[in-house]
């Protein structure tokens, strides 16, 4: 039987990765797989779904339309 333990941790100095599994008996042989999450930039995230892509495209069209801009005179604030 295979049992899985999922735990997030931070890589420490010299690439040290530490996990804790107190329920495992001492001497138990285990296999460790390290998955590294890649950071997703904002544009990639906004284009990741159809709804987000449409929202971003509409926002870009709105930014190009002078009628949709708001002008503020900072001296009057």
PDB file of N, CA and C in Angstrom:
ATOM      1  N   UNK A   1       0.844  -1.178   0.000  1.00  0.00           N
ATOM      2  CA  UNK A   1       0.000   0.000   0.000  1.00  0.00           C
ATOM      3  C   UNK A   1       0.889   1.241   0.000  1.00  0.00           C
ATOM      4  N   UNK A   2       0.526   2.220  -0.824  1.00  0.00           N
ATOM      5  CA  UNK A   2       1.279   3.471  -0.889  1.00  0.00           C
ATOM      6  C   UNK A   2       0.497   4.538  -0.141  1.00  0.00           C
ATOM      7  N   UNK A   3       1.189   5.226   0.739  1.00  0.00           N
ATOM      8  CA  UNK A   3       0.606   6.337   1.474  1.00  0.00           C
ATOM      9  C   UNK A   3       1.336   7.597   1.064  1.00  0.00           C
ATOM     10  N   UNK A   4       0.600   8.662   0.847  1.00  0.00           N
ATOM     11  CA  UNK A   4       1.226   9.916   0.445  1.00  0.00           C
ATOM     12  C   UNK A   4       1.184  10.941   1.562  1.00  0.00           C
ATOM     13  N   UNK A   5       2.231  11.703   1.655  1.00  0.00           N
ATOM     14  CA  UNK A   5       2.300  12.826   2.585  1.00  0.00           C
ATOM     15  C   UNK A   5       2.610  14.048   1.749  1.00  0.00           C
ATOM     16  N   UNK A   6       1.766  15.065   1.869  1.00  0.00           N
ATOM     17  CA  UNK A   6       1.996  16.293   1.106  1.00  0.00           C
ATOM     18  C   UNK A   6       2.304  17.399   2.099  1.00  0.00           C
ATOM     19  N   UNK A   7       3.415  18.070   1.877  1.00  0.00           N
ATOM     20  CA  UNK A   7       3.824  19.134   2.783  1.00  0.00           C
ATOM     21  C   UNK A   7       4.559  20.204   1.994  1.00  0.00           C
ATOM     22  N   UNK A   8       4.238  21.466   2.257  1.00  0.00           N
ATOM     23  CA  UNK A   8       4.962  22.566   1.618  1.00  0.00           C
ATOM     24  C   UNK A   8       6.073  23.005   2.555  1.00  0.00           C
ATOM     25  N   UNK A   9       7.196  23.356   1.972  1.00  0.00           N
ATOM     26  CA  UNK A   9       8.326  23.822   2.763  1.00  0.00           C
ATOM     27  C   UNK A   9       9.127  24.817   1.943  1.00  0.00           C
ATOM     28  N   UNK A  10      10.094  25.426   2.557  1.00  0.00           N
ATOM     29  CA  UNK A  10      10.954  26.408   1.904  1.00  0.00           C
ATOM     30  C   UNK A  10      12.363  25.822   1.816  1.00  0.00           C
ATOM     31  N   UNK A  11      12.995  25.995   0.678  1.00  0.00           N
ATOM     32  CA  UNK A  11      14.375  25.538   0.523  1.00  0.00           C
ATOM     33  C   UNK A  11      15.268  26.422   1.386  1.00  0.00           C
ATOM     34  N   UNK A  12      16.091  25.774   2.192  1.00  0.00           N
ATOM     35  CA  UNK A  12      16.980  26.499   3.102  1.00  0.00           C
ATOM     36  C   UNK A  12      18.370  26.622   2.488  1.00  0.00           C
ATOM     37  N   UNK A  13      19.268  27.183   3.264  1.00  0.00           N
ATOM     38  CA  UNK A  13      20.648  27.401   2.817  1.00  0.00           C
ATOM     39  C   UNK A  13      21.256  26.100   2.292  1.00  0.00           C
ATOM     40  N   UNK A  14      22.040  26.221   1.253  1.00  0.00           N
ATOM     41  CA  UNK A  14      22.709  25.086   0.600  1.00  0.00           C
ATOM     42  C   UNK A  14      21.724  24.079  -0.001  1.00  0.00           C
ATOM     43  N   UNK A  15      20.511  24.534  -0.360  1.00  0.00           N
ATOM     44  CA  UNK A  15      19.537  23.652  -0.994  1.00  0.00           C
ATOM     45  C   UNK A  15      18.891  22.652  -0.053  1.00  0.00           C
ATOM     46  N   UNK A  16      19.006  22.864   1.243  1.00  0.00           N
ATOM     47  CA  UNK A  16      18.459  21.933   2.229  1.00  0.00           C
ATOM     48  C   UNK A  16      16.933  21.991   2.227  1.00  0.00           C
ATOM     49  N   UNK A  17      16.314  20.824   2.097  1.00  0.00           N
ATOM     50  CA  UNK A  17      14.860  20.693   2.157  1.00  0.00           C
ATOM     51  C   UNK A  17      14.548  19.789   3.342  1.00  0.00           C
ATOM     52  N   UNK A  18      13.668  20.260   4.215  1.00  0.00           N
ATOM     53  CA  UNK A  18      13.367  19.506   5.427  1.00  0.00           C
ATOM     54  C   UNK A  18      11.860  19.298   5.530  1.00  0.00           C
ATOM     55  N   UNK A  19      11.459  18.050   5.791  1.00  0.00           N
ATOM     56  CA  UNK A  19      10.051  17.756   6.040  1.00  0.00           C
ATOM     57  C   UNK A  19       9.961  16.965   7.339  1.00  0.00           C
ATOM     58  N   UNK A  20       8.782  16.993   7.930  1.00  0.00           N
ATOM     59  CA  UNK A  20       8.564  16.271   9.178  1.00  0.00           C
ATOM     60  C   UNK A  20       7.438  15.271   8.969  1.00  0.00           C
ATOM     61  N   UNK A  21       7.674  14.020   9.360  1.00  0.00           N
ATOM     62  CA  UNK A  21       6.653  12.975   9.251  1.00  0.00           C
ATOM     63  C   UNK A  21       6.725  12.101  10.502  1.00  0.00           C
ATOM     64  N   UNK A  22       6.281  12.626  11.643  1.00  0.00           N
ATOM     65  CA  UNK A  22       6.411  11.896  12.903  1.00  0.00           C
ATOM     66  C   UNK A  22       5.634  10.579  12.936  1.00  0.00           C
ATOM     67  N   UNK A  23       4.659  10.390  12.054  1.00  0.00           N
ATOM     68  CA  UNK A  23       3.887   9.140  12.034  1.00  0.00           C
ATOM     69  C   UNK A  23       4.640   7.991  11.371  1.00  0.00           C
ATOM     70  N   UNK A  24       5.725   8.289  10.669  1.00  0.00           N
ATOM     71  CA  UNK A  24       6.493   7.229  10.006  1.00  0.00           C
ATOM     72  C   UNK A  24       7.469   6.601  10.997  1.00  0.00           C
ATOM     73  N   UNK A  25       7.517   5.287  11.017  1.00  0.00           N
ATOM     74  CA  UNK A  25       8.459   4.620  11.918  1.00  0.00           C
ATOM     75  C   UNK A  25       9.911   4.897  11.510  1.00  0.00           C
ATOM     76  N   UNK A  26      10.784   4.969  12.482  1.00  0.00           N
ATOM     77  CA  UNK A  26      12.210   5.168  12.221  1.00  0.00           C
ATOM     78  C   UNK A  26      12.703   4.041  11.323  1.00  0.00           C
ATOM     79  N   UNK A  27      13.483   4.393  10.318  1.00  0.00           N
ATOM     80  CA  UNK A  27      14.058   3.411   9.411  1.00  0.00           C
ATOM     81  C   UNK A  27      13.193   3.097   8.198  1.00  0.00           C
ATOM     82  N   UNK A  28      12.009   3.689   8.114  1.00  0.00           N
ATOM     83  CA  UNK A  28      11.135   3.455   6.960  1.00  0.00           C
ATOM     84  C   UNK A  28      11.777   4.052   5.712  1.00  0.00           C
ATOM     85  N   UNK A  29      11.862   3.265   4.653  1.00  0.00           N
ATOM     86  CA  UNK A  29      12.405   3.774   3.398  1.00  0.00           C
ATOM     87  C   UNK A  29      11.299   4.524   2.665  1.00  0.00           C
ATOM     88  N   UNK A  30      11.609   5.737   2.216  1.00  0.00           N
ATOM     89  CA  UNK A  30      10.630   6.568   1.518  1.00  0.00           C
ATOM     90  C   UNK A  30      11.238   7.098   0.231  1.00  0.00           C
ATOM     91  N   UNK A  31      10.388   7.497  -0.691  1.00  0.00           N
ATOM     92  CA  UNK A  31      10.818   8.164  -1.915  1.00  0.00           C
ATOM     93  C   UNK A  31      10.289   9.586  -1.856  1.00  0.00           C
ATOM     94  N   UNK A  32      11.152  10.552  -2.110  1.00  0.00           N
ATOM     95  CA  UNK A  32      10.770  11.955  -2.040  1.00  0.00           C
ATOM     96  C   UNK A  32      10.769  12.536  -3.448  1.00  0.00           C
ATOM     97  N   UNK A  33       9.681  13.195  -3.813  1.00  0.00           N
ATOM     98  CA  UNK A  33       9.569  13.880  -5.095  1.00  0.00           C
ATOM     99  C   UNK A  33       9.396  15.361  -4.791  1.00  0.00           C
ATOM    100  N   UNK A  34      10.216  16.203  -5.387  1.00  0.00           N
ATOM    101  CA  UNK A  34      10.152  17.642  -5.153  1.00  0.00           C
ATOM    102  C   UNK A  34       9.513  18.304  -6.365  1.00  0.00           C
ATOM    103  N   UNK A  35       8.422  19.025  -6.144  1.00  0.00           N
ATOM    104  CA  UNK A  35       7.741  19.771  -7.199  1.00  0.00           C
ATOM    105  C   UNK A  35       7.952  21.253  -6.938  1.00  0.00           C
ATOM    106  N   UNK A  36       8.471  21.969  -7.917  1.00  0.00           N
ATOM    107  CA  UNK A  36       8.731  23.396  -7.774  1.00  0.00           C
ATOM    108  C   UNK A  36       7.661  24.155  -8.542  1.00  0.00           C
ATOM    109  N   UNK A  37       6.933  25.028  -7.838  1.00  0.00           N
ATOM    110  CA  UNK A  37       5.912  25.840  -8.491  1.00  0.00           C
ATOM    111  C   UNK A  37       6.574  27.010  -9.194  1.00  0.00           C
ATOM    112  N   UNK A  38       6.247  27.180 -10.469  1.00  0.00           N
ATOM    113  CA  UNK A  38       6.768  28.324 -11.204  1.00  0.00           C
ATOM    114  C   UNK A  38       5.854  29.511 -10.964  1.00  0.00           C
ATOM    115  N   UNK A  39       6.453  30.670 -10.782  1.00  0.00           N
ATOM    116  CA  UNK A  39       5.652  31.869 -10.604  1.00  0.00           C
ATOM    117  C   UNK A  39       5.046  32.263 -11.948  1.00  0.00           C
ATOM    118  N   UNK A  40       3.812  32.685 -11.899  1.00  0.00           N
ATOM    119  CA  UNK A  40       3.094  33.078 -13.111  1.00  0.00           C
ATOM    120  C   UNK A  40       3.004  34.603 -13.122  1.00  0.00           C
ATOM    121  N   UNK A  41       3.467  35.213 -14.207  1.00  0.00           N
ATOM    122  CA  UNK A  41       3.394  36.675 -14.245  1.00  0.00           C
ATOM    123  C   UNK A  41       1.952  37.121 -14.467  1.00  0.00           C
ATOM    124  N   UNK A  42       1.689  38.388 -14.203  1.00  0.00           N
ATOM    125  CA  UNK A  42       0.326  38.918 -14.232  1.00  0.00           C
ATOM    126  C   UNK A  42      -0.326  38.762 -15.600  1.00  0.00           C
ATOM    127  N   UNK A  43       0.401  39.045 -16.670  1.00  0.00           N
ATOM    128  CA  UNK A  43      -0.184  38.942 -18.012  1.00  0.00           C
ATOM    129  C   UNK A  43      -0.536  37.494 -18.333  1.00  0.00           C
ATOM    130  N   UNK A  44       0.353  36.576 -17.994  1.00  0.00           N
ATOM    131  CA  UNK A  44       0.089  35.155 -18.239  1.00  0.00           C
ATOM    132  C   UNK A  44      -1.158  34.715 -17.470  1.00  0.00           C
ATOM    133  N   UNK A  45      -1.291  35.181 -16.225  1.00  0.00           N
ATOM    134  CA  UNK A  45      -2.470  34.845 -15.429  1.00  0.00           C
ATOM    135  C   UNK A  45      -3.736  35.408 -16.071  1.00  0.00           C
ATOM    136  N   UNK A  46      -3.672  36.682 -16.486  1.00  0.00           N
ATOM    137  CA  UNK A  46      -4.857  37.312 -17.066  1.00  0.00           C
ATOM    138  C   UNK A  46      -5.276  36.652 -18.373  1.00  0.00           C
ATOM    139  N   UNK A  47      -4.344  36.054 -19.079  1.00  0.00           N
ATOM    140  CA  UNK A  47      -4.665  35.384 -20.341  1.00  0.00           C
ATOM    141  C   UNK A  47      -4.940  33.890 -20.153  1.00  0.00           C
ATOM    142  N   UNK A  48      -4.900  33.403 -18.911  1.00  0.00           N
ATOM    143  CA  UNK A  48      -4.998  31.966 -18.662  1.00  0.00           C
ATOM    144  C   UNK A  48      -6.405  31.396 -18.858  1.00  0.00           C
ATOM    145  N   UNK A  49      -7.428  32.233 -18.774  1.00  0.00           N
ATOM    146  CA  UNK A  49      -8.790  31.750 -19.019  1.00  0.00           C
ATOM    147  C   UNK A  49      -9.470  32.662 -20.036  1.00  0.00           C
ATOM    148  N   UNK A  50     -10.494  32.141 -20.669  1.00  0.00           N
ATOM    149  CA  UNK A  50     -11.231  32.917 -21.675  1.00  0.00           C
ATOM    150  C   UNK A  50     -11.838  34.173 -21.054  1.00  0.00           C
ATOM    151  N   UNK A  51     -12.431  34.038 -19.868  1.00  0.00           N
ATOM    152  CA  UNK A  51     -13.062  35.193 -19.212  1.00  0.00           C
ATOM    153  C   UNK A  51     -12.024  36.259 -18.874  1.00  0.00           C
ATOM    154  N   UNK A  52     -10.891  35.837 -18.331  1.00  0.00           N
ATOM    155  CA  UNK A  52      -9.828  36.798 -18.002  1.00  0.00           C
ATOM    156  C   UNK A  52      -9.306  37.485 -19.259  1.00  0.00           C
ATOM    157  N   UNK A  53      -9.119  36.704 -20.330  1.00  0.00           N
ATOM    158  CA  UNK A  53      -8.604  37.264 -21.580  1.00  0.00           C
ATOM    159  C   UNK A  53      -9.557  38.331 -22.119  1.00  0.00           C
ATOM    160  N   UNK A  54     -10.857  38.024 -22.107  1.00  0.00           N
ATOM    161  CA  UNK A  54     -11.844  38.996 -22.593  1.00  0.00           C
ATOM    162  C   UNK A  54     -11.849  40.251 -21.729  1.00  0.00           C
ATOM    163  N   UNK A  55     -11.737  40.072 -20.416  1.00  0.00           N
ATOM    164  CA  UNK A  55     -11.714  41.218 -19.501  1.00  0.00           C
ATOM    165  C   UNK A  55     -10.487  42.094 -19.770  1.00  0.00           C
ATOM    166  N   UNK A  56      -9.331  41.468 -19.971  1.00  0.00           N
ATOM    167  CA  UNK A  56      -8.103  42.213 -20.254  1.00  0.00           C
ATOM    168  C   UNK A  56      -8.207  42.949 -21.587  1.00  0.00           C
ATOM    169  N   UNK A  57      -8.731  42.281 -22.607  1.00  0.00           N
ATOM    170  CA  UNK A  57      -8.880  42.923 -23.916  1.00  0.00           C
ATOM    171  C   UNK A  57      -9.825  44.123 -23.834  1.00  0.00           C
ATOM    172  N   UNK A  58     -10.926  43.988 -23.067  1.00  0.00           N
ATOM    173  CA  UNK A  58     -11.860  45.104 -22.907  1.00  0.00           C
ATOM    174  C   UNK A  58     -11.193  46.255 -22.162  1.00  0.00           C
ATOM    175  N   UNK A  59     -10.421  45.949 -21.141  1.00  0.00           N
ATOM    176  CA  UNK A  59      -9.720  46.988 -20.385  1.00  0.00           C
ATOM    177  C   UNK A  59      -8.727  47.727 -21.274  1.00  0.00           C
ATOM    178  N   UNK A  60      -8.068  47.002 -22.184  1.00  0.00           N
ATOM    179  CA  UNK A  60      -7.123  47.645 -23.100  1.00  0.00           C
ATOM    180  C   UNK A  60      -7.866  48.557 -24.079  1.00  0.00           C
ATOM    181  N   UNK A  61      -9.029  48.114 -24.570  1.00  0.00           N
ATOM    182  CA  UNK A  61      -9.829  48.966 -25.462  1.00  0.00           C
ATOM    183  C   UNK A  61     -10.306  50.214 -24.714  1.00  0.00           C
ATOM    184  N   UNK A  62     -10.741  50.025 -23.473  1.00  0.00           N
ATOM    185  CA  UNK A  62     -11.197  51.161 -22.664  1.00  0.00           C
ATOM    186  C   UNK A  62     -10.072  52.164 -22.433  1.00  0.00           C
ATOM    187  N   UNK A  63      -8.858  51.670 -22.217  1.00  0.00           N
ATOM    188  CA  UNK A  63      -7.719  52.558 -21.969  1.00  0.00           C
ATOM    189  C   UNK A  63      -7.395  53.401 -23.199  1.00  0.00           C
ATOM    190  N   UNK A  64      -7.683  52.875 -24.379  1.00  0.00           N
ATOM    191  CA  UNK A  64      -7.410  53.608 -25.618  1.00  0.00           C
ATOM    192  C   UNK A  64      -8.521  54.595 -25.976  1.00  0.00           C
ATOM    193  N   UNK A  65      -9.678  54.497 -25.319  1.00  0.00           N
ATOM    194  CA  UNK A  65     -10.829  55.357 -25.622  1.00  0.00           C
ATOM    195  C   UNK A  65     -10.786  56.608 -24.741  1.00  0.00           C
ATOM    196  N   UNK A  66     -10.526  57.787 -25.333  1.00  0.00           N
ATOM    197  CA  UNK A  66     -10.432  59.021 -24.538  1.00  0.00           C
ATOM    198  C   UNK A  66     -11.710  59.337 -23.759  1.00  0.00           C
ATOM    199  N   UNK A  67     -12.865  58.901 -24.245  1.00  0.00           N
ATOM    200  CA  UNK A  67     -14.129  59.169 -23.547  1.00  0.00           C
ATOM    201  C   UNK A  67     -14.231  58.400 -22.227  1.00  0.00           C
ATOM    202  N   UNK A  68     -13.436  57.359 -22.078  1.00  0.00           N
ATOM    203  CA  UNK A  68     -13.502  56.537 -20.868  1.00  0.00           C
ATOM    204  C   UNK A  68     -12.418  56.911 -19.862  1.00  0.00           C
ATOM    205  N   UNK A  69     -11.646  57.916 -20.155  1.00  0.00           N
ATOM    206  CA  UNK A  69     -10.580  58.344 -19.248  1.00  0.00           C
ATOM    207  C   UNK A  69     -11.110  59.355 -18.252  1.00  0.00           C
ATOM    208  N   UNK A  70     -10.534  59.361 -17.090  1.00  0.00           N
ATOM    209  CA  UNK A  70     -10.886  60.327 -16.053  1.00  0.00           C
ATOM    210  C   UNK A  70      -9.669  61.213 -15.840  1.00  0.00           C
ATOM    211  N   UNK A  71      -9.880  62.510 -15.970  1.00  0.00           N
ATOM    212  CA  UNK A  71      -8.787  63.457 -15.790  1.00  0.00           C
ATOM    213  C   UNK A  71      -8.943  64.139 -14.436  1.00  0.00           C
ATOM    214  N   UNK A  72      -7.860  64.216 -13.707  1.00  0.00           N
ATOM    215  CA  UNK A  72      -7.869  64.827 -12.383  1.00  0.00           C
ATOM    216  C   UNK A  72      -6.824  65.924 -12.342  1.00  0.00           C
ATOM    217  N   UNK A  73      -7.239  67.091 -11.896  1.00  0.00           N
ATOM    218  CA  UNK A  73      -6.309  68.204 -11.702  1.00  0.00           C
ATOM    219  C   UNK A  73      -5.780  68.088 -10.273  1.00  0.00           C
ATOM    220  N   UNK A  74      -4.532  67.664 -10.126  1.00  0.00           N
ATOM    221  CA  UNK A  74      -3.974  67.426  -8.795  1.00  0.00           C
ATOM    222  C   UNK A  74      -3.906  68.693  -7.952  1.00  0.00           C
ATOM    223  N   UNK A  75      -3.899  69.836  -8.579  1.00  0.00           N
ATOM    224  CA  UNK A  75      -3.860  71.087  -7.823  1.00  0.00           C
ATOM    225  C   UNK A  75      -5.177  71.346  -7.101  1.00  0.00           C
ATOM    226  N   UNK A  76      -6.254  70.735  -7.564  1.00  0.00           N
ATOM    227  CA  UNK A  76      -7.562  70.926  -6.938  1.00  0.00           C
ATOM    228  C   UNK A  76      -7.901  69.841  -5.921  1.00  0.00           C
ATOM    229  N   UNK A  77      -6.970  68.967  -5.625  1.00  0.00           N
ATOM    230  CA  UNK A  77      -7.242  67.895  -4.651  1.00  0.00           C
ATOM    231  C   UNK A  77      -7.125  68.388  -3.236  1.00  0.00           C
TER     232      UNK A  77
END
